[in-house]
Amino acid sequence: AAWRGGGVHRVVSSPFLCCLQTAAACIEGMPSPGIRVQIDNGLCQVYNASVLNLKTGQGRPDILSPQQMEAALPGRLNLMCPSPVPMPGWGETGGGKDGGEAARRFVSAINRICDSNPNEDLALFTHGDAITATISAIKQGICVYRSDFGCCLHLRRSAAQGGQPAGPWYIIDHKGIEWMADSAIPREKLQGPR
C-alpha cells in the first residue's frame, strides 16, 4: 500500500526465485525508478527438505547465483550490498507458529532489517512461514491457519529514539492471511488423531 504513494525507500527480498519475481512485479509499478532490491538470506524459506518438497536423497537445492538473481531483477539488484547473514544451516527446524529455528530466524531478520533502516519505509519479500512466524510473535495466543501465495502484511512500529528501544509492532493491514485465537481451536484438533 505504501509504495502506491512512493513511500517505499528500500526493498529487501529472500534470495529464492519466487520472492525475487514477486519483488520485480511489485517494483515495476513503484514511482521510484531507481529503487533497488537488496538480498537478505534471513528472509529465505525454511531450509529443509520437507518444506522445500524435495524427494528423499535429492539433497540441498542449488542457491541462485548473483547472475541468476540479476536475471530475475534486471538492473534492480543491489549487488554492492550482499546479504548481511549467511544462508541458514540445511535441515533447520520449522517455521510458522510452532517455532523452531526458522521462526526465530524470520522474526530476528525482520527486526534486524527494520532496526538497520529506522527512518525508512521498507517492502520485504519473504515466504508464508515467515509471515506466520511474524504474526505469531506480534499477536500472542493466535493460530494462523491460512497464508495464501502472495499474501501481504503491513506492519508499523515507532523507531528507537534517545536510547529507547523501538516500539511494539502493530498490524495495520493484511491480505490473504487468516488467524483465530488458540482458544477457539477444539482440543481434538490441537492434539491430532488418537
N, C-alpha and C. Protein backbone atom coordinates (compact mmCIF):
# COMPACT_ATOMS: atom_id res chain seq x y z
N ALA A 1 0.82 -1.19 0.00
CA ALA A 1 0.00 0.00 0.00
C ALA A 1 0.86 1.26 0.00
N ALA A 2 1.96 1.26 0.78
CA ALA A 2 2.80 2.45 0.89
C ALA A 2 3.44 2.81 -0.43
N TRP A 3 3.79 1.82 -1.25
CA TRP A 3 4.52 2.15 -2.46
C TRP A 3 3.64 2.81 -3.51
N ARG A 4 2.32 2.68 -3.40
CA ARG A 4 1.44 3.37 -4.36
C ARG A 4 1.68 4.87 -4.31
N GLY A 5 2.00 5.37 -3.12
CA GLY A 5 2.26 6.79 -2.98
C GLY A 5 3.74 7.12 -3.02
N GLY A 6 4.56 6.15 -3.35
CA GLY A 6 6.00 6.40 -3.43
C GLY A 6 6.70 6.33 -2.10
N GLY A 7 6.05 5.72 -1.09
CA GLY A 7 6.59 5.72 0.26
C GLY A 7 7.66 4.69 0.54
N VAL A 8 7.97 3.78 -0.36
CA VAL A 8 8.97 2.76 -0.07
C VAL A 8 10.36 3.29 -0.41
N HIS A 9 11.25 3.20 0.59
CA HIS A 9 12.63 3.65 0.40
C HIS A 9 13.57 2.51 0.06
N ARG A 10 13.23 1.29 0.53
CA ARG A 10 14.13 0.15 0.36
C ARG A 10 13.31 -1.12 0.18
N VAL A 11 13.80 -1.99 -0.71
CA VAL A 11 13.17 -3.29 -0.93
C VAL A 11 14.19 -4.36 -0.56
N VAL A 12 13.76 -5.31 0.28
CA VAL A 12 14.63 -6.40 0.73
C VAL A 12 13.90 -7.70 0.45
N SER A 13 14.62 -8.68 -0.12
CA SER A 13 13.97 -9.92 -0.54
C SER A 13 14.74 -11.16 -0.10
N SER A 14 13.99 -12.23 0.06
CA SER A 14 14.57 -13.57 0.18
C SER A 14 15.33 -13.84 -1.11
N PRO A 15 16.36 -14.68 -1.06
CA PRO A 15 17.10 -15.00 -2.29
C PRO A 15 16.38 -16.03 -3.18
N PHE A 16 15.23 -16.53 -2.77
CA PHE A 16 14.52 -17.53 -3.55
C PHE A 16 13.80 -16.88 -4.72
N LEU A 17 13.78 -17.58 -5.85
CA LEU A 17 13.26 -17.04 -7.10
C LEU A 17 11.83 -16.53 -6.98
N CYS A 18 10.94 -17.24 -6.27
CA CYS A 18 9.55 -16.79 -6.18
C CYS A 18 9.45 -15.41 -5.55
N CYS A 19 10.27 -15.12 -4.55
CA CYS A 19 10.26 -13.79 -3.92
C CYS A 19 10.87 -12.73 -4.83
N LEU A 20 11.94 -13.09 -5.52
CA LEU A 20 12.57 -12.14 -6.45
C LEU A 20 11.59 -11.77 -7.57
N GLN A 21 10.85 -12.75 -8.07
CA GLN A 21 9.88 -12.49 -9.13
C GLN A 21 8.74 -11.61 -8.62
N THR A 22 8.28 -11.86 -7.39
CA THR A 22 7.22 -11.03 -6.81
C THR A 22 7.72 -9.60 -6.60
N ALA A 23 8.95 -9.47 -6.09
CA ALA A 23 9.53 -8.15 -5.89
C ALA A 23 9.64 -7.41 -7.22
N ALA A 24 10.08 -8.11 -8.27
CA ALA A 24 10.22 -7.49 -9.59
C ALA A 24 8.87 -6.98 -10.09
N ALA A 25 7.82 -7.78 -9.93
CA ALA A 25 6.49 -7.37 -10.39
C ALA A 25 5.98 -6.17 -9.59
N CYS A 26 6.24 -6.15 -8.29
CA CYS A 26 5.75 -5.05 -7.46
C CYS A 26 6.51 -3.75 -7.70
N ILE A 27 7.83 -3.82 -7.83
CA ILE A 27 8.57 -2.57 -8.01
C ILE A 27 8.38 -1.98 -9.40
N GLU A 28 7.89 -2.81 -10.32
CA GLU A 28 7.60 -2.29 -11.67
C GLU A 28 6.62 -1.13 -11.60
N GLY A 29 5.68 -1.19 -10.67
CA GLY A 29 4.67 -0.14 -10.54
C GLY A 29 5.03 0.95 -9.56
N MET A 30 6.20 0.88 -8.93
CA MET A 30 6.59 1.90 -7.96
C MET A 30 7.00 3.19 -8.68
N PRO A 31 6.63 4.32 -8.10
CA PRO A 31 7.01 5.59 -8.71
C PRO A 31 8.48 5.95 -8.55
N SER A 32 9.25 5.14 -7.81
CA SER A 32 10.67 5.41 -7.61
C SER A 32 11.48 4.54 -8.57
N PRO A 33 11.84 5.06 -9.75
CA PRO A 33 12.50 4.22 -10.75
C PRO A 33 13.87 3.71 -10.33
N GLY A 34 14.54 4.36 -9.40
CA GLY A 34 15.88 3.95 -9.02
C GLY A 34 15.93 2.95 -7.88
N ILE A 35 14.78 2.55 -7.36
CA ILE A 35 14.79 1.64 -6.20
C ILE A 35 15.39 0.30 -6.60
N ARG A 36 16.26 -0.21 -5.72
CA ARG A 36 16.95 -1.47 -6.00
C ARG A 36 16.62 -2.47 -4.90
N VAL A 37 16.79 -3.74 -5.21
CA VAL A 37 16.46 -4.82 -4.29
C VAL A 37 17.72 -5.34 -3.62
N GLN A 38 17.67 -5.42 -2.31
CA GLN A 38 18.76 -5.99 -1.52
C GLN A 38 18.35 -7.40 -1.11
N ILE A 39 19.27 -8.33 -1.15
CA ILE A 39 19.01 -9.72 -0.76
C ILE A 39 19.35 -9.88 0.72
N ASP A 40 18.49 -10.58 1.46
CA ASP A 40 18.78 -10.91 2.84
C ASP A 40 18.44 -12.38 3.05
N ASN A 41 19.46 -13.20 3.29
CA ASN A 41 19.26 -14.64 3.46
C ASN A 41 18.41 -14.97 4.69
N GLY A 42 18.30 -14.04 5.63
CA GLY A 42 17.47 -14.26 6.81
C GLY A 42 15.99 -14.38 6.46
N LEU A 43 15.60 -13.92 5.28
CA LEU A 43 14.21 -14.00 4.84
C LEU A 43 13.91 -15.24 4.00
N CYS A 44 14.91 -16.11 3.79
CA CYS A 44 14.70 -17.27 2.91
C CYS A 44 13.75 -18.28 3.52
N GLN A 45 13.21 -19.13 2.69
CA GLN A 45 12.26 -20.17 3.10
C GLN A 45 12.88 -21.08 4.16
N VAL A 46 12.03 -21.75 4.94
CA VAL A 46 12.53 -22.75 5.88
C VAL A 46 13.44 -23.67 5.07
N TYR A 47 14.66 -23.84 5.54
CA TYR A 47 15.68 -24.50 4.74
C TYR A 47 15.81 -25.97 5.11
N ASN A 48 14.81 -26.76 4.69
CA ASN A 48 14.88 -28.21 4.90
C ASN A 48 14.12 -28.92 3.78
N ALA A 49 14.36 -30.20 3.65
CA ALA A 49 13.79 -30.97 2.54
C ALA A 49 12.28 -31.06 2.59
N SER A 50 11.71 -31.15 3.79
CA SER A 50 10.27 -31.29 3.92
C SER A 50 9.54 -30.06 3.40
N VAL A 51 9.96 -28.89 3.82
CA VAL A 51 9.30 -27.64 3.41
C VAL A 51 9.53 -27.37 1.92
N LEU A 52 10.71 -27.68 1.45
CA LEU A 52 11.03 -27.41 0.04
C LEU A 52 10.55 -28.53 -0.89
N ASN A 53 9.81 -29.49 -0.34
CA ASN A 53 9.22 -30.59 -1.12
C ASN A 53 10.24 -31.34 -1.97
N LEU A 54 11.37 -31.63 -1.38
CA LEU A 54 12.39 -32.36 -2.11
C LEU A 54 12.19 -33.86 -1.93
N LYS A 55 12.55 -34.60 -2.96
CA LYS A 55 12.48 -36.05 -2.87
C LYS A 55 13.59 -36.56 -1.96
N THR A 56 13.34 -37.69 -1.32
CA THR A 56 14.33 -38.29 -0.44
C THR A 56 15.64 -38.49 -1.18
N GLY A 57 16.73 -38.07 -0.57
CA GLY A 57 18.04 -38.25 -1.17
C GLY A 57 18.41 -37.19 -2.20
N GLN A 58 17.51 -36.27 -2.49
CA GLN A 58 17.80 -35.25 -3.51
C GLN A 58 18.85 -34.26 -3.02
N GLY A 59 18.92 -34.07 -1.73
CA GLY A 59 19.92 -33.15 -1.19
C GLY A 59 19.48 -31.71 -1.22
N ARG A 60 20.36 -30.88 -0.78
CA ARG A 60 20.09 -29.44 -0.68
C ARG A 60 19.93 -28.83 -2.07
N PRO A 61 18.96 -27.90 -2.23
CA PRO A 61 18.78 -27.28 -3.54
C PRO A 61 19.90 -26.28 -3.85
N ASP A 62 20.11 -26.02 -5.11
CA ASP A 62 21.09 -25.02 -5.51
C ASP A 62 20.55 -23.63 -5.16
N ILE A 63 21.41 -22.78 -4.70
CA ILE A 63 21.06 -21.40 -4.43
C ILE A 63 21.36 -20.60 -5.69
N LEU A 64 20.50 -19.64 -5.99
CA LEU A 64 20.72 -18.83 -7.19
C LEU A 64 22.04 -18.08 -7.10
N SER A 65 22.74 -18.02 -8.19
CA SER A 65 23.97 -17.23 -8.25
C SER A 65 23.59 -15.75 -8.38
N PRO A 66 24.52 -14.83 -8.12
CA PRO A 66 24.21 -13.41 -8.33
C PRO A 66 23.75 -13.12 -9.76
N GLN A 67 24.29 -13.84 -10.73
CA GLN A 67 23.89 -13.64 -12.13
C GLN A 67 22.44 -14.08 -12.34
N GLN A 68 22.04 -15.20 -11.73
CA GLN A 68 20.65 -15.66 -11.85
C GLN A 68 19.70 -14.70 -11.14
N MET A 69 20.13 -14.17 -10.00
CA MET A 69 19.30 -13.19 -9.29
C MET A 69 19.15 -11.92 -10.13
N GLU A 70 20.23 -11.50 -10.73
CA GLU A 70 20.20 -10.31 -11.59
C GLU A 70 19.26 -10.53 -12.77
N ALA A 71 19.23 -11.74 -13.33
CA ALA A 71 18.33 -12.04 -14.44
C ALA A 71 16.87 -11.93 -14.02
N ALA A 72 16.56 -12.25 -12.76
CA ALA A 72 15.19 -12.14 -12.25
C ALA A 72 14.82 -10.68 -11.99
N LEU A 73 15.81 -9.84 -11.75
CA LEU A 73 15.61 -8.42 -11.43
C LEU A 73 16.51 -7.56 -12.31
N PRO A 74 16.33 -7.55 -13.60
CA PRO A 74 17.25 -6.83 -14.48
C PRO A 74 17.43 -5.36 -14.07
N GLY A 75 18.68 -5.01 -13.75
CA GLY A 75 19.00 -3.64 -13.39
C GLY A 75 18.50 -3.20 -12.03
N ARG A 76 17.90 -4.07 -11.26
CA ARG A 76 17.31 -3.69 -9.98
C ARG A 76 17.98 -4.32 -8.77
N LEU A 77 18.91 -5.26 -8.97
CA LEU A 77 19.53 -5.96 -7.85
C LEU A 77 20.71 -5.15 -7.32
N ASN A 78 20.75 -4.95 -6.02
CA ASN A 78 21.84 -4.22 -5.38
C ASN A 78 22.97 -5.20 -5.07
N LEU A 79 23.85 -5.41 -6.04
CA LEU A 79 24.97 -6.34 -5.86
C LEU A 79 26.07 -5.77 -4.98
N MET A 80 26.03 -4.46 -4.74
CA MET A 80 27.05 -3.82 -3.90
C MET A 80 26.79 -4.07 -2.42
N CYS A 81 25.63 -4.59 -2.10
CA CYS A 81 25.26 -4.81 -0.70
C CYS A 81 24.84 -6.27 -0.53
N PRO A 82 25.81 -7.18 -0.31
CA PRO A 82 25.47 -8.60 -0.17
C PRO A 82 24.67 -8.84 1.12
N SER A 83 24.05 -9.99 1.19
CA SER A 83 23.27 -10.34 2.38
C SER A 83 24.15 -10.23 3.63
N PRO A 84 23.63 -9.60 4.68
CA PRO A 84 24.42 -9.47 5.91
C PRO A 84 24.53 -10.76 6.71
N VAL A 85 23.77 -11.78 6.34
CA VAL A 85 23.83 -13.06 7.05
C VAL A 85 23.97 -14.19 6.05
N PRO A 86 24.61 -15.29 6.44
CA PRO A 86 24.73 -16.45 5.54
C PRO A 86 23.41 -17.19 5.44
N MET A 87 23.32 -18.11 4.49
CA MET A 87 22.16 -18.99 4.41
C MET A 87 22.08 -19.79 5.70
N PRO A 88 20.86 -20.11 6.14
CA PRO A 88 20.74 -20.93 7.35
C PRO A 88 21.29 -22.33 7.11
N GLY A 89 21.54 -23.05 8.18
CA GLY A 89 22.02 -24.41 8.05
C GLY A 89 20.96 -25.32 7.44
N TRP A 90 21.39 -26.20 6.57
CA TRP A 90 20.47 -27.14 5.92
C TRP A 90 19.85 -28.05 6.98
N GLY A 91 18.54 -28.24 6.89
CA GLY A 91 17.84 -29.10 7.83
C GLY A 91 17.33 -28.38 9.06
N GLU A 92 17.30 -27.04 9.02
CA GLU A 92 16.81 -26.30 10.18
C GLU A 92 15.37 -26.72 10.51
N THR A 93 15.00 -26.55 11.77
CA THR A 93 13.64 -26.92 12.18
C THR A 93 12.66 -25.83 11.77
N GLY A 94 11.39 -26.21 11.79
CA GLY A 94 10.28 -25.45 11.22
C GLY A 94 10.15 -23.97 11.49
N GLY A 95 9.14 -23.46 10.84
CA GLY A 95 8.79 -22.06 10.97
C GLY A 95 7.36 -21.94 11.43
N GLY A 96 6.76 -20.81 11.13
CA GLY A 96 5.37 -20.61 11.48
C GLY A 96 5.15 -20.53 12.98
N LYS A 97 3.95 -20.84 13.39
CA LYS A 97 3.55 -20.71 14.79
C LYS A 97 4.30 -21.67 15.70
N ASP A 98 4.66 -22.84 15.20
CA ASP A 98 5.26 -23.86 16.04
C ASP A 98 6.68 -23.51 16.48
N GLY A 99 7.21 -22.44 15.98
CA GLY A 99 8.54 -22.03 16.39
C GLY A 99 9.61 -22.78 15.65
N GLY A 100 10.69 -23.04 16.33
CA GLY A 100 11.82 -23.69 15.69
C GLY A 100 12.80 -22.65 15.21
N GLU A 101 13.90 -23.14 14.69
CA GLU A 101 14.99 -22.26 14.25
C GLU A 101 14.52 -21.26 13.20
N ALA A 102 13.76 -21.72 12.23
CA ALA A 102 13.34 -20.82 11.14
C ALA A 102 12.45 -19.70 11.64
N ALA A 103 11.50 -20.01 12.52
CA ALA A 103 10.60 -18.96 13.04
C ALA A 103 11.40 -17.89 13.78
N ARG A 104 12.35 -18.31 14.60
CA ARG A 104 13.19 -17.34 15.31
C ARG A 104 14.03 -16.53 14.32
N ARG A 105 14.53 -17.20 13.28
CA ARG A 105 15.33 -16.51 12.25
C ARG A 105 14.49 -15.45 11.53
N PHE A 106 13.26 -15.79 11.16
CA PHE A 106 12.40 -14.83 10.45
C PHE A 106 12.17 -13.58 11.28
N VAL A 107 11.76 -13.76 12.52
CA VAL A 107 11.45 -12.62 13.38
C VAL A 107 12.71 -11.80 13.63
N SER A 108 13.83 -12.46 13.86
CA SER A 108 15.10 -11.77 14.06
C SER A 108 15.50 -10.98 12.82
N ALA A 109 15.34 -11.58 11.64
CA ALA A 109 15.72 -10.90 10.39
C ALA A 109 14.87 -9.65 10.17
N ILE A 110 13.57 -9.77 10.38
CA ILE A 110 12.69 -8.61 10.17
C ILE A 110 13.05 -7.50 11.14
N ASN A 111 13.27 -7.83 12.40
CA ASN A 111 13.67 -6.81 13.37
C ASN A 111 15.02 -6.19 13.01
N ARG A 112 15.99 -7.03 12.61
CA ARG A 112 17.33 -6.53 12.24
C ARG A 112 17.25 -5.58 11.06
N ILE A 113 16.51 -5.98 10.02
CA ILE A 113 16.38 -5.14 8.82
C ILE A 113 15.74 -3.80 9.18
N CYS A 114 14.68 -3.84 9.97
CA CYS A 114 14.00 -2.60 10.35
C CYS A 114 14.84 -1.75 11.29
N ASP A 115 15.56 -2.37 12.21
CA ASP A 115 16.44 -1.61 13.11
C ASP A 115 17.57 -0.94 12.33
N SER A 116 18.03 -1.58 11.25
CA SER A 116 19.11 -1.02 10.43
C SER A 116 18.65 0.13 9.54
N ASN A 117 17.35 0.25 9.36
CA ASN A 117 16.78 1.28 8.48
C ASN A 117 15.62 1.96 9.21
N PRO A 118 15.89 2.59 10.37
CA PRO A 118 14.80 3.05 11.24
C PRO A 118 13.91 4.15 10.68
N ASN A 119 14.41 4.93 9.77
CA ASN A 119 13.62 6.05 9.25
C ASN A 119 13.15 5.84 7.82
N GLU A 120 13.11 4.57 7.41
CA GLU A 120 12.70 4.25 6.05
C GLU A 120 11.47 3.36 6.05
N ASP A 121 10.65 3.52 5.01
CA ASP A 121 9.54 2.59 4.77
C ASP A 121 10.11 1.48 3.91
N LEU A 122 9.91 0.24 4.35
CA LEU A 122 10.52 -0.92 3.71
C LEU A 122 9.46 -1.83 3.11
N ALA A 123 9.81 -2.51 2.02
CA ALA A 123 8.99 -3.58 1.46
C ALA A 123 9.85 -4.84 1.53
N LEU A 124 9.42 -5.82 2.32
CA LEU A 124 10.16 -7.07 2.48
C LEU A 124 9.41 -8.18 1.75
N PHE A 125 10.13 -8.98 0.97
CA PHE A 125 9.53 -10.08 0.21
C PHE A 125 10.08 -11.38 0.77
N THR A 126 9.17 -12.17 1.36
CA THR A 126 9.57 -13.40 2.03
C THR A 126 8.52 -14.47 1.78
N HIS A 127 8.42 -15.45 2.66
CA HIS A 127 7.58 -16.64 2.45
C HIS A 127 6.48 -16.72 3.50
N GLY A 128 5.48 -17.56 3.23
CA GLY A 128 4.33 -17.72 4.11
C GLY A 128 4.70 -18.09 5.54
N ASP A 129 5.70 -18.95 5.70
CA ASP A 129 6.13 -19.32 7.06
C ASP A 129 6.69 -18.12 7.81
N ALA A 130 7.34 -17.22 7.11
CA ALA A 130 7.87 -16.01 7.76
C ALA A 130 6.73 -15.09 8.18
N ILE A 131 5.71 -14.99 7.35
CA ILE A 131 4.54 -14.17 7.69
C ILE A 131 3.85 -14.77 8.93
N THR A 132 3.67 -16.10 8.92
CA THR A 132 3.04 -16.78 10.05
C THR A 132 3.84 -16.57 11.33
N ALA A 133 5.15 -16.73 11.26
CA ALA A 133 6.00 -16.54 12.44
C ALA A 133 5.93 -15.11 12.95
N THR A 134 5.90 -14.15 12.05
CA THR A 134 5.84 -12.74 12.43
C THR A 134 4.53 -12.42 13.13
N ILE A 135 3.42 -12.86 12.55
CA ILE A 135 2.11 -12.61 13.18
C ILE A 135 2.05 -13.28 14.54
N SER A 136 2.55 -14.51 14.63
CA SER A 136 2.53 -15.23 15.91
C SER A 136 3.38 -14.54 16.97
N ALA A 137 4.45 -13.88 16.56
CA ALA A 137 5.29 -13.14 17.51
C ALA A 137 4.61 -11.85 17.97
N ILE A 138 3.84 -11.24 17.08
CA ILE A 138 3.17 -9.97 17.40
C ILE A 138 1.89 -10.20 18.20
N LYS A 139 1.10 -11.19 17.79
CA LYS A 139 -0.20 -11.45 18.41
C LYS A 139 -0.13 -12.78 19.16
N GLN A 140 0.23 -12.72 20.41
CA GLN A 140 0.33 -13.93 21.22
C GLN A 140 -1.03 -14.61 21.35
N GLY A 141 -1.03 -15.93 21.38
CA GLY A 141 -2.26 -16.67 21.62
C GLY A 141 -3.15 -16.84 20.40
N ILE A 142 -2.56 -16.73 19.21
CA ILE A 142 -3.34 -16.93 17.99
C ILE A 142 -2.76 -18.08 17.19
N CYS A 143 -3.56 -18.55 16.26
CA CYS A 143 -3.14 -19.61 15.35
C CYS A 143 -3.43 -19.14 13.92
N VAL A 144 -2.37 -18.95 13.13
CA VAL A 144 -2.55 -18.61 11.72
C VAL A 144 -2.89 -19.90 11.00
N TYR A 145 -4.05 -19.96 10.38
CA TYR A 145 -4.45 -21.19 9.71
C TYR A 145 -4.44 -21.08 8.20
N ARG A 146 -4.16 -19.90 7.67
CA ARG A 146 -4.06 -19.77 6.22
C ARG A 146 -3.18 -18.58 5.86
N SER A 147 -2.23 -18.83 4.97
CA SER A 147 -1.46 -17.74 4.37
C SER A 147 -1.32 -18.09 2.89
N ASP A 148 -2.05 -17.39 2.07
CA ASP A 148 -2.09 -17.65 0.63
C ASP A 148 -0.79 -17.23 -0.05
N PHE A 149 -0.55 -17.82 -1.23
CA PHE A 149 0.57 -17.36 -2.06
C PHE A 149 0.31 -15.89 -2.37
N GLY A 150 1.31 -15.06 -2.20
CA GLY A 150 1.16 -13.62 -2.46
C GLY A 150 0.55 -12.85 -1.32
N CYS A 151 0.41 -13.48 -0.14
CA CYS A 151 -0.18 -12.76 1.00
C CYS A 151 0.74 -11.61 1.39
N CYS A 152 0.17 -10.63 2.06
CA CYS A 152 1.00 -9.50 2.50
C CYS A 152 0.55 -9.01 3.87
N LEU A 153 1.47 -8.38 4.53
CA LEU A 153 1.30 -7.91 5.89
C LEU A 153 1.89 -6.51 5.97
N HIS A 154 1.11 -5.55 6.45
CA HIS A 154 1.57 -4.17 6.59
C HIS A 154 1.74 -3.92 8.09
N LEU A 155 3.00 -3.70 8.50
CA LEU A 155 3.34 -3.50 9.91
C LEU A 155 3.84 -2.08 10.15
N ARG A 156 3.71 -1.65 11.39
CA ARG A 156 4.26 -0.35 11.77
C ARG A 156 4.70 -0.43 13.23
N ARG A 157 5.76 0.32 13.54
CA ARG A 157 6.21 0.50 14.92
C ARG A 157 6.93 1.83 15.00
N SER A 158 7.05 2.36 16.20
CA SER A 158 7.82 3.59 16.36
C SER A 158 9.30 3.23 16.40
N ALA A 159 10.12 4.08 15.82
CA ALA A 159 11.57 3.84 15.76
C ALA A 159 12.20 4.09 17.12
N ALA A 160 13.35 3.46 17.35
CA ALA A 160 14.11 3.71 18.58
C ALA A 160 14.56 5.16 18.59
N GLN A 161 14.46 5.79 19.76
CA GLN A 161 14.87 7.20 19.88
C GLN A 161 15.48 7.45 21.24
N GLY A 162 16.53 8.23 21.27
CA GLY A 162 17.14 8.66 22.53
C GLY A 162 17.49 7.52 23.47
N GLY A 163 18.01 6.45 22.94
CA GLY A 163 18.39 5.32 23.77
C GLY A 163 17.24 4.39 24.12
N GLN A 164 16.01 4.76 23.74
CA GLN A 164 14.85 3.90 23.98
C GLN A 164 14.71 2.91 22.83
N PRO A 165 14.32 1.67 23.13
CA PRO A 165 14.15 0.68 22.06
C PRO A 165 12.96 1.02 21.17
N ALA A 166 12.94 0.40 20.01
CA ALA A 166 11.80 0.58 19.10
C ALA A 166 10.53 0.10 19.79
N GLY A 167 9.41 0.69 19.41
CA GLY A 167 8.13 0.32 20.00
C GLY A 167 7.65 -1.03 19.50
N PRO A 168 6.51 -1.48 20.01
CA PRO A 168 5.97 -2.78 19.57
C PRO A 168 5.42 -2.69 18.15
N TRP A 169 5.34 -3.83 17.50
CA TRP A 169 4.79 -3.91 16.16
C TRP A 169 3.27 -3.88 16.22
N TYR A 170 2.66 -3.22 15.23
CA TYR A 170 1.21 -3.22 15.07
C TYR A 170 0.89 -3.67 13.65
N ILE A 171 -0.11 -4.51 13.52
CA ILE A 171 -0.56 -4.93 12.19
C ILE A 171 -1.55 -3.87 11.71
N ILE A 172 -1.18 -3.19 10.62
CA ILE A 172 -2.01 -2.14 10.05
C ILE A 172 -3.01 -2.73 9.06
N ASP A 173 -2.54 -3.68 8.26
CA ASP A 173 -3.40 -4.29 7.24
C ASP A 173 -2.81 -5.64 6.85
N HIS A 174 -3.61 -6.49 6.27
CA HIS A 174 -3.13 -7.78 5.78
C HIS A 174 -4.07 -8.27 4.68
N LYS A 175 -3.52 -9.07 3.79
CA LYS A 175 -4.29 -9.68 2.70
C LYS A 175 -3.85 -11.13 2.57
N GLY A 176 -4.82 -12.03 2.39
CA GLY A 176 -4.51 -13.44 2.16
C GLY A 176 -4.02 -14.20 3.38
N ILE A 177 -4.31 -13.68 4.59
CA ILE A 177 -3.88 -14.32 5.83
C ILE A 177 -5.10 -14.39 6.75
N GLU A 178 -5.29 -15.53 7.39
CA GLU A 178 -6.39 -15.66 8.36
C GLU A 178 -5.86 -16.33 9.61
N TRP A 179 -6.36 -15.85 10.76
CA TRP A 179 -5.98 -16.44 12.04
C TRP A 179 -7.16 -16.41 12.98
N MET A 180 -7.03 -17.15 14.08
CA MET A 180 -8.03 -17.14 15.14
C MET A 180 -7.32 -17.38 16.46
N ALA A 181 -8.05 -17.14 17.54
CA ALA A 181 -7.49 -17.36 18.87
C ALA A 181 -7.22 -18.84 19.07
N ASP A 182 -6.11 -19.15 19.70
CA ASP A 182 -5.81 -20.55 20.02
C ASP A 182 -6.95 -21.20 20.78
N SER A 183 -7.60 -20.44 21.65
CA SER A 183 -8.68 -20.98 22.48
C SER A 183 -9.90 -21.37 21.65
N ALA A 184 -9.99 -20.88 20.40
CA ALA A 184 -11.12 -21.21 19.54
C ALA A 184 -10.94 -22.54 18.82
N ILE A 185 -9.76 -23.13 18.94
CA ILE A 185 -9.48 -24.40 18.25
C ILE A 185 -9.91 -25.55 19.16
N PRO A 186 -10.78 -26.44 18.69
CA PRO A 186 -11.18 -27.58 19.52
C PRO A 186 -9.96 -28.39 19.96
N ARG A 187 -9.95 -28.85 21.20
CA ARG A 187 -8.82 -29.59 21.76
C ARG A 187 -8.41 -30.76 20.88
N GLU A 188 -9.39 -31.49 20.30
CA GLU A 188 -9.03 -32.65 19.49
C GLU A 188 -8.25 -32.24 18.24
N LYS A 189 -8.47 -31.03 17.73
CA LYS A 189 -7.70 -30.55 16.57
C LYS A 189 -6.26 -30.26 16.99
N LEU A 190 -6.08 -29.74 18.20
CA LEU A 190 -4.73 -29.46 18.68
C LEU A 190 -3.95 -30.74 18.95
N GLN A 191 -4.64 -31.74 19.46
CA GLN A 191 -3.97 -32.98 19.83
C GLN A 191 -3.81 -33.93 18.66
N GLY A 192 -4.57 -33.76 17.60
CA GLY A 192 -4.48 -34.63 16.44
C GLY A 192 -5.20 -35.95 16.66
N PRO A 193 -5.17 -36.84 15.68
CA PRO A 193 -5.87 -38.11 15.81
C PRO A 193 -5.21 -38.99 16.88
N ARG A 194 -6.03 -39.80 17.52
CA ARG A 194 -5.51 -40.71 18.56
C ARG A 194 -5.31 -42.09 18.04
